[in-house]
C-alpha atoms as a PDB file:
ATOM      1  CA  MET A   1     121.577  94.146 136.206  1.00  0.00           C
ATOM      2  CA  THR A   2     123.933  91.263 135.482  1.00  0.00           C
ATOM      3  CA  GLY A   3     122.628  87.765 135.127  1.00  0.00           C
ATOM      4  CA  THR A   4     123.875  86.872 138.585  1.00  0.00           C
ATOM      5  CA  VAL A   5     122.396  89.770 140.234  1.00  0.00           C
ATOM      6  CA  ALA A   6     119.069  89.489 138.448  1.00  0.00           C
ATOM      7  CA  MET A   7     118.870  85.792 139.473  1.00  0.00           C
ATOM      8  CA  HIS A   8     119.557  86.641 143.147  1.00  0.00           C
ATOM      9  CA  VAL A   9     116.968  89.321 143.061  1.00  0.00           C
ATOM     10  CA  LEU A  10     114.416  87.009 141.393  1.00  0.00           C
ATOM     11  CA  GLU A  11     114.881  84.398 143.836  1.00  0.00           C
ATOM     12  CA  LEU A  12     114.336  86.615 146.807  1.00  0.00           C
ATOM     13  CA  LEU A  13     111.262  88.186 145.214  1.00  0.00           C
ATOM     14  CA  THR A  14     109.794  84.806 144.530  1.00  0.00           C
ATOM     15  CA  ALA A  15     110.430  83.706 148.191  1.00  0.00           C
ATOM     16  CA  ARG A  16     108.805  87.031 149.323  1.00  0.00           C
ATOM     17  CA  LEU A  17     105.579  86.270 147.210  1.00  0.00           C
ATOM     18  CA  CYS A  18     105.375  82.691 148.364  1.00  0.00           C
ATOM     19  CA  HIS A  19     105.552  84.041 152.034  1.00  0.00           C
ATOM     20  CA  GLU A  20     102.850  86.421 151.223  1.00  0.00           C
ATOM     21  CA  LEU A  21     100.508  83.500 149.975  1.00  0.00           C
ATOM     22  CA  ILE A  22     101.205  80.859 152.584  1.00  0.00           C
ATOM     23  CA  GLY A  23      98.862  82.363 155.171  1.00  0.00           C
ATOM     24  CA  PRO A  24      95.706  82.628 153.077  1.00  0.00           C
ATOM     25  CA  ILE A  25      96.325  79.338 151.160  1.00  0.00           C
ATOM     26  CA  ALA A  26      96.915  77.494 154.457  1.00  0.00           C
ATOM     27  CA  ALA A  27      93.686  78.880 155.771  1.00  0.00           C
ATOM     28  CA  VAL A  28      91.918  77.503 152.688  1.00  0.00           C
ATOM     29  CA  ASN A  29      93.325  74.107 153.412  1.00  0.00           C
ATOM     30  CA  ASN A  30      92.214  74.270 156.981  1.00  0.00           C
ATOM     31  CA  GLY A  31      88.714  75.074 155.956  1.00  0.00           C
ATOM     32  CA  VAL A  32      88.584  72.198 153.336  1.00  0.00           C
ATOM     33  CA  GLU A  33      89.757  69.871 156.206  1.00  0.00           C
ATOM     34  CA  ILE A  34      87.086  70.876 158.421  1.00  0.00           C
ATOM     35  CA  LEU A  35      84.586  70.345 155.662  1.00  0.00           C
ATOM     36  CA  ALA A  36      85.904  66.975 154.926  1.00  0.00           C
ATOM     37  CA  GLU A  37      85.362  65.800 158.598  1.00  0.00           C
ATOM     38  CA  GLY A  38      81.470  66.438 157.978  1.00  0.00           C
ATOM     39  CA  ASP A  39      80.981  68.434 161.288  1.00  0.00           C
ATOM     40  CA  THR A  40      77.846  70.480 160.486  1.00  0.00           C
ATOM     41  CA  ASP A  41      78.272  72.639 163.574  1.00  0.00           C
ATOM     42  CA  PHE A  42      81.378  74.148 161.826  1.00  0.00           C
ATOM     43  CA  ALA A  43      80.402  73.824 158.212  1.00  0.00           C
ATOM     44  CA  ALA A  44      79.262  77.389 157.839  1.00  0.00           C
ATOM     45  CA  ASP A  45      82.329  78.814 159.565  1.00  0.00           C
ATOM     46  CA  ALA A  46      84.557  76.555 157.387  1.00  0.00           C
ATOM     47  CA  VAL A  47      82.893  77.696 154.218  1.00  0.00           C
ATOM     48  CA  GLN A  48      83.335  81.440 155.233  1.00  0.00           C
ATOM     49  CA  LEU A  49      86.997  80.722 156.136  1.00  0.00           C
ATOM     50  CA  VAL A  50      87.622  79.203 152.613  1.00  0.00           C
ATOM     51  CA  GLY A  51      85.911  82.035 150.820  1.00  0.00           C
ATOM     52  CA  ASP A  52      87.583  84.747 152.829  1.00  0.00           C
ATOM     53  CA  SER A  53      91.110  83.156 152.622  1.00  0.00           C
ATOM     54  CA  ALA A  54      90.565  82.538 148.755  1.00  0.00           C
ATOM     55  CA  ARG A  55      89.602  86.032 148.132  1.00  0.00           C
ATOM     56  CA  ARG A  56      92.638  87.312 150.071  1.00  0.00           C
ATOM     57  CA  ALA A  57      95.005  85.102 148.160  1.00  0.00           C
ATOM     58  CA  GLY A  58      93.486  86.242 144.952  1.00  0.00           C
ATOM     59  CA  THR A  59      93.745  89.989 145.834  1.00  0.00           C
ATOM     60  CA  ARG A  60      97.309  89.488 146.634  1.00  0.00           C
ATOM     61  CA  LEU A  61      98.217  87.633 143.565  1.00  0.00           C
ATOM     62  CA  GLN A  62      96.617  90.361 141.388  1.00  0.00           C
ATOM     63  CA  PHE A  63      98.331  93.207 143.201  1.00  0.00           C
ATOM     64  CA  TYR A  64     101.789  91.363 142.882  1.00  0.00           C
ATOM     65  CA  ARG A  65     101.026  90.489 139.243  1.00  0.00           C
ATOM     66  CA  PHE A  66     100.976  94.045 138.479  1.00  0.00           C
ATOM     67  CA  ALA A  67     103.664  95.365 141.011  1.00  0.00           C
ATOM     68  CA  TYR A  68     106.155  92.733 139.834  1.00  0.00           C
ATOM     69  CA  GLY A  69     105.117  91.752 136.411  1.00  0.00           C
ATOM     70  CA  PHE A  70     103.724  94.679 134.481  1.00  0.00           C
ATOM     71  CA  ALA A  71     105.758  95.784 131.439  1.00  0.00           C
ATOM     72  CA  PRO A  72     104.685  98.519 129.155  1.00  0.00           C
ATOM     73  CA  ARG A  73     105.664  96.473 126.112  1.00  0.00           C
ATOM     74  CA  ARG A  74     103.091  93.748 127.073  1.00  0.00           C
ATOM     75  CA  GLY A  75     100.215  96.098 128.221  1.00  0.00           C
ATOM     76  CA  PHE A  76      98.015  95.234 131.117  1.00  0.00           C
ATOM     77  CA  SER A  77      94.558  93.753 131.486  1.00  0.00           C
ATOM     78  CA  GLY A  78      92.796  93.739 134.770  1.00  0.00           C
ATOM     79  CA  PRO A  79      91.545  96.086 137.350  1.00  0.00           C
ATOM     80  CA  PRO A  80      93.301  99.551 137.639  1.00  0.00           C
ATOM     81  CA  PRO A  81      96.151  99.775 140.024  1.00  0.00           C
ATOM     82  CA  HIS A  82      94.267 101.879 142.655  1.00  0.00           C
ATOM     83  CA  GLU A  83      91.615  99.049 142.837  1.00  0.00           C
ATOM     84  CA  LEU A  84      94.396  96.405 143.255  1.00  0.00           C
ATOM     85  CA  ALA A  85      96.007  98.449 146.104  1.00  0.00           C
ATOM     86  CA  GLY A  86      92.592  99.143 147.723  1.00  0.00           C
ATOM     87  CA  ASP A  87      91.774  95.449 147.752  1.00  0.00           C
ATOM     88  CA  TYR A  88      95.284  94.447 148.923  1.00  0.00           C
ATOM     89  CA  PHE A  89      95.172  96.738 151.964  1.00  0.00           C
ATOM     90  CA  ALA A  90      91.579  96.234 152.821  1.00  0.00           C
ATOM     91  CA  THR A  91      92.283  93.347 155.154  1.00  0.00           C
ATOM     92  CA  THR A  92      95.172  94.866 156.878  1.00  0.00           C
ATOM     93  CA  ARG A  93      95.729  97.484 159.729  1.00  0.00           C
ATOM     94  CA  ILE A  94      96.817 100.006 156.981  1.00  0.00           C
ATOM     95  CA  ALA A  95      94.651 102.380 155.400  1.00  0.00           C
ATOM     96  CA  CYS A  96      95.634 103.248 151.727  1.00  0.00           C
ATOM     97  CA  ASP A  97      94.558 106.369 150.018  1.00  0.00           C
ATOM     98  CA  TYR A  98      95.430 106.262 146.258  1.00  0.00           C
ATOM     99  CA  ASP A  99      94.367 109.811 145.161  1.00  0.00           C
ATOM    100  CA  GLN A 100      93.196 110.829 141.783  1.00  0.00           C
ATOM    101  CA  GLY A 101      96.520 112.451 140.712  1.00  0.00           C
ATOM    102  CA  ALA A 102      98.249 109.122 141.293  1.00  0.00           C
ATOM    103  CA  ARG A 103      95.636 107.309 139.368  1.00  0.00           C
ATOM    104  CA  SER A 104      96.522 109.448 136.344  1.00  0.00           C
ATOM    105  CA  LEU A 105     100.103 108.528 136.172  1.00  0.00           C
ATOM    106  CA  PRO A 106     101.323 106.331 133.373  1.00  0.00           C
ATOM    107  CA  LEU A 107     101.070 102.702 134.246  1.00  0.00           C
ATOM    108  CA  GLU A 108     104.897 102.317 134.576  1.00  0.00           C
ATOM    109  CA  TRP A 109     104.935 105.034 137.195  1.00  0.00           C
ATOM    110  CA  GLN A 110     102.039 103.445 138.830  1.00  0.00           C
ATOM    111  CA  LYS A 111     104.112 100.212 139.049  1.00  0.00           C
ATOM    112  CA  LEU A 112     106.733 102.227 140.867  1.00  0.00           C
ATOM    113  CA  ALA A 113     103.985 103.609 143.074  1.00  0.00           C
ATOM    114  CA  CYS A 114     102.614 100.183 144.048  1.00  0.00           C
ATOM    115  CA  ASN A 115     106.107  99.111 145.108  1.00  0.00           C
ATOM    116  CA  LEU A 116     106.479 102.264 147.242  1.00  0.00           C
ATOM    117  CA  LEU A 117     103.247 101.105 148.859  1.00  0.00           C
ATOM    118  CA  LEU A 118     104.916  97.913 149.903  1.00  0.00           C
ATOM    119  CA  VAL A 119     107.935  99.650 151.242  1.00  0.00           C
ATOM    120  CA  GLY A 120     105.722 101.986 153.273  1.00  0.00           C
ATOM    121  CA  ALA A 121     103.570  99.120 154.537  1.00  0.00           C
ATOM    122  CA  GLU A 122     106.825  97.440 155.968  1.00  0.00           C
ATOM    123  CA  ALA A 123     107.554 100.709 157.775  1.00  0.00           C
ATOM    124  CA  LEU A 124     104.322 100.501 159.709  1.00  0.00           C
ATOM    125  CA  PRO A 125     104.699  97.583 162.242  1.00  0.00           C
ATOM    126  CA  ARG A 126     101.735  98.779 164.272  1.00  0.00           C
ATOM    127  CA  GLY A 127      99.491  99.778 161.329  1.00  0.00           C
ATOM    128  CA  GLY A 128      98.853 103.348 160.143  1.00  0.00           C
ATOM    129  CA  SER A 129      98.064 104.928 156.837  1.00  0.00           C
ATOM    130  CA  LEU A 130      99.576 105.333 153.471  1.00  0.00           C
ATOM    131  CA  ARG A 131      98.653 108.258 151.141  1.00  0.00           C
ATOM    132  CA  LEU A 132      99.833 108.084 147.525  1.00  0.00           C
ATOM    133  CA  ARG A 133      99.715 111.114 145.232  1.00  0.00           C
ATOM    134  CA  ALA A 134     101.406 112.555 142.137  1.00  0.00           C
ATOM    135  CA  GLY A 135     104.366 114.667 143.068  1.00  0.00           C
ATOM    136  CA  PRO A 136     106.184 117.066 140.740  1.00  0.00           C
ATOM    137  CA  ALA A 137     108.461 114.431 139.182  1.00  0.00           C
ATOM    138  CA  GLY A 138     106.553 111.194 140.013  1.00  0.00           C
ATOM    139  CA  PRO A 139     104.712 109.328 142.925  1.00  0.00           C
ATOM    140  CA  GLU A 140     104.943 110.520 146.394  1.00  0.00           C
ATOM    141  CA  LEU A 141     104.026 108.437 149.306  1.00  0.00           C
ATOM    142  CA  THR A 142     103.215 109.666 152.798  1.00  0.00           C
ATOM    143  CA  VAL A 143     103.596 107.128 155.561  1.00  0.00           C
ATOM    144  CA  SER A 144     102.025 107.811 158.977  1.00  0.00           C
ATOM    145  CA  GLY A 145     101.705 105.791 162.055  1.00  0.00           C
ATOM    146  CA  GLY A 146     103.132 104.825 165.363  1.00  0.00           C
ATOM    147  CA  ALA A 147     106.844 103.719 165.181  1.00  0.00           C
ATOM    148  CA  ALA A 148     106.825 104.581 161.373  1.00  0.00           C
ATOM    149  CA  GLY A 149     110.385 104.237 160.102  1.00  0.00           C
ATOM    150  CA  LEU A 150     112.645 102.414 157.716  1.00  0.00           C
ATOM    151  CA  ALA A 151     115.361 100.075 158.958  1.00  0.00           C
ATOM    152  CA  PRO A 152     119.020 101.186 157.820  1.00  0.00           C
ATOM    153  CA  GLU A 153     119.292  98.065 155.679  1.00  0.00           C
ATOM    154  CA  VAL A 154     116.025  98.875 153.880  1.00  0.00           C
ATOM    155  CA  THR A 155     117.205 102.436 153.243  1.00  0.00           C
ATOM    156  CA  ALA A 156     120.396 101.083 151.797  1.00  0.00           C
ATOM    157  CA  ALA A 157     118.520  98.777 149.501  1.00  0.00           C
ATOM    158  CA  LEU A 158     116.259 101.583 148.317  1.00  0.00           C
ATOM    159  CA  GLY A 159     119.258 103.680 147.469  1.00  0.00           C
ATOM    160  CA  LEU A 160     120.898 100.682 145.704  1.00  0.00           C
ATOM    161  CA  VAL A 161     123.988 101.195 147.859  1.00  0.00           C
ATOM    162  CA  CYS A 162     123.897  97.822 149.616  1.00  0.00           C
ATOM    163  CA  PRO A 163     125.926  94.840 148.208  1.00  0.00           C
ATOM    164  CA  VAL A 164     123.515  92.684 146.208  1.00  0.00           C
ATOM    165  CA  ALA A 165     124.903  89.532 148.037  1.00  0.00           C
ATOM    166  CA  GLU A 166     123.704  90.964 151.331  1.00  0.00           C
ATOM    167  CA  LEU A 167     120.030  91.404 150.220  1.00  0.00           C
ATOM    168  CA  SER A 168     117.405  89.298 152.086  1.00  0.00           C
ATOM    169  CA  THR A 169     113.607  88.727 151.650  1.00  0.00           C
ATOM    170  CA  ARG A 170     113.218  91.597 154.060  1.00  0.00           C
ATOM    171  CA  THR A 171     115.324  94.125 152.014  1.00  0.00           C
ATOM    172  CA  VAL A 172     114.782  92.934 148.358  1.00  0.00           C
ATOM    173  CA  GLN A 173     111.470  94.887 148.027  1.00  0.00           C
ATOM    174  CA  GLY A 174     113.408  98.193 148.652  1.00  0.00           C
ATOM    175  CA  TYR A 175     116.075  97.169 146.215  1.00  0.00           C
ATOM    176  CA  PHE A 176     113.570  96.232 143.476  1.00  0.00           C
ATOM    177  CA  THR A 177     111.680  99.603 144.074  1.00  0.00           C
ATOM    178  CA  GLY A 178     115.202 101.520 143.821  1.00  0.00           C
ATOM    179  CA  LEU A 179     115.743  99.622 140.446  1.00  0.00           C
ATOM    180  CA  LEU A 180     112.272 100.618 139.219  1.00  0.00           C
ATOM    181  CA  ALA A 181     113.092 104.200 140.017  1.00  0.00           C
ATOM    182  CA  ARG A 182     116.492 104.170 138.347  1.00  0.00           C
ATOM    183  CA  ASP A 183     114.992 102.537 135.144  1.00  0.00           C
ATOM    184  CA  LEU A 184     112.626 105.517 135.097  1.00  0.00           C
ATOM    185  CA  GLY A 185     115.385 108.015 135.202  1.00  0.00           C
ATOM    186  CA  CYS A 186     114.815 109.074 138.700  1.00  0.00           C
ATOM    187  CA  ARG A 187     115.915 108.449 142.332  1.00  0.00           C
ATOM    188  CA  LEU A 188     114.061 108.314 145.639  1.00  0.00           C
ATOM    189  CA  PHE A 189     114.323 110.869 148.449  1.00  0.00           C
ATOM    190  CA  GLY A 190     112.905 111.295 152.006  1.00  0.00           C
ATOM    191  CA  ILE A 191     110.920 114.063 153.613  1.00  0.00           C
ATOM    192  CA  PRO A 192     109.846 114.234 157.354  1.00  0.00           C
ATOM    193  CA  ALA A 193     106.123 114.360 157.803  1.00  0.00           C
ATOM    194  CA  GLU A 194     104.197 115.445 160.880  1.00  0.00           C
ATOM    195  CA  PRO A 195     103.256 114.253 163.525  1.00  0.00           C
ATOM    196  CA  GLU A 196     104.581 110.696 162.972  1.00  0.00           C
ATOM    197  CA  GLY A 197     105.942 109.528 159.772  1.00  0.00           C
ATOM    198  CA  PHE A 198     107.784 110.489 156.495  1.00  0.00           C
ATOM    199  CA  ARG A 199     107.372 110.779 152.798  1.00  0.00           C
ATOM    200  CA  LEU A 200     109.049 108.902 149.885  1.00  0.00           C
ATOM    201  CA  ALA A 201     109.163 110.732 146.631  1.00  0.00           C
ATOM    202  CA  ALA A 202     110.662 110.388 143.131  1.00  0.00           C
ATOM    203  CA  ALA A 203     113.033 112.949 141.871  1.00  0.00           C
ATOM    204  CA  GLY A 204     113.785 113.295 138.222  1.00  0.00           C
ATOM    205  CA  PRO A 205     117.046 113.966 136.614  1.00  0.00           C
ATOM    206  CA  GLU A 206     116.217 117.688 136.367  1.00  0.00           C
ATOM    207  CA  VAL A 207     116.615 117.871 140.127  1.00  0.00           C
ATOM    208  CA  GLN A 208     120.224 119.136 140.361  1.00  0.00           C
ATOM    209  CA  ALA A 209     120.797 120.058 143.951  1.00  0.00           C
ATOM    210  CA  VAL A 210     119.888 117.769 146.891  1.00  0.00           C
ATOM    211  CA  PRO A 211     120.571 118.881 150.408  1.00  0.00           C
ATOM    212  CA  PRO A 212     122.825 116.498 152.477  1.00  0.00           C
ATOM    213  CA  PRO A 213     121.052 113.840 154.683  1.00  0.00           C
ATOM    214  CA  PRO A 214     119.659 115.175 158.034  1.00  0.00           C
ATOM    215  CA  THR A 215     120.834 113.667 161.214  1.00  0.00           C
ATOM    216  CA  ALA A 216     118.553 111.431 163.194  1.00  0.00           C
ATOM    217  CA  SER A 217     117.219 114.265 165.397  1.00  0.00           C
ATOM    218  CA  SER A 218     116.692 116.666 162.496  1.00  0.00           C
ATOM    219  CA  PHE A 219     114.759 113.933 160.384  1.00  0.00           C
ATOM    220  CA  VAL A 220     112.016 113.561 163.073  1.00  0.00           C
ATOM    221  CA  GLY A 221     111.850 117.182 163.985  1.00  0.00           C
ATOM    222  CA  SER A 222     109.756 119.761 162.045  1.00  0.00           C
ATOM    223  CA  GLY A 223     111.096 122.093 159.282  1.00  0.00           C
ATOM    224  CA  ALA A 224     113.744 119.599 158.103  1.00  0.00           C
ATOM    225  CA  ARG A 225     114.625 119.981 154.481  1.00  0.00           C
ATOM    226  CA  ASP A 226     114.358 117.279 151.726  1.00  0.00           C
ATOM    227  CA  ALA A 227     116.855 114.540 152.115  1.00  0.00           C
ATOM    228  CA  PRO A 228     118.314 111.924 149.692  1.00  0.00           C
ATOM    229  CA  ILE A 229     117.094 108.328 150.433  1.00  0.00           C
ATOM    230  CA  SER A 230     120.503 107.566 152.280  1.00  0.00           C
ATOM    231  CA  GLY A 231     119.500 109.692 155.124  1.00  0.00           C
ATOM    232  CA  ILE A 232     115.910 108.357 155.936  1.00  0.00           C
ATOM    233  CA  ALA A 233     116.928 105.333 158.204  1.00  0.00           C
ATOM    234  CA  THR A 234     116.046 107.419 161.267  1.00  0.00           C
ATOM    235  CA  GLY A 235     112.407 106.121 162.011  1.00  0.00           C
ATOM    236  CA  SER A 236     111.668 104.596 165.421  1.00  0.00           C
ATOM    237  CA  ARG A 237     111.098 101.196 164.095  1.00  0.00           C
ATOM    238  CA  LYS A 238     113.424  98.660 165.693  1.00  0.00           C
ATOM    239  CA  THR A 239     115.300  96.106 163.687  1.00  0.00           C
END
């Protein structure tokens, strides 16, 4: 990335991270204000609110520290990525299954995997499930749930085909994930999954032939072939 591009992506990722932390930190503040009023009737509830919100903020920070900040040259100290992901999704409407094969991937590939989880979570506005496994050429994520689908602009960001100037806090996660895949020498592609959902997988440079993108009808139907990421913006999620 050039300096200008890197700065723009950094700004958007920072804004996204702050947005993720506003809710739990504001809840901590509310609990402290209740305690400061000295109302004993609500003291126990306030203490629980502060504790739960502080834990939520902490788990989010730890997950993003790995997903955004891990670099092989610096190493990593802390809970393993599958524990970070489990804690992150524990308080959401999304179930996360981080299987043993994915846990065995090198940490730089698990960083890509954790960012795929964030992309998948955004594709589940009504909740659902995420299943992360080790595919033939890297992590593979199955996204399942009602209205599961990626908006066209997120798809373009994942494929690194959107103008950087048009990135937003909503699409920067996809773009960052696409950059991670590119740095690992692979690209992302989509596969339909029954009954509702899709899969995102990494394909290495050894994958020579990739079928053309499916149409909207073929993507959600059964028996469709693998499609490059540019053809995955066909879910039912509305923008």
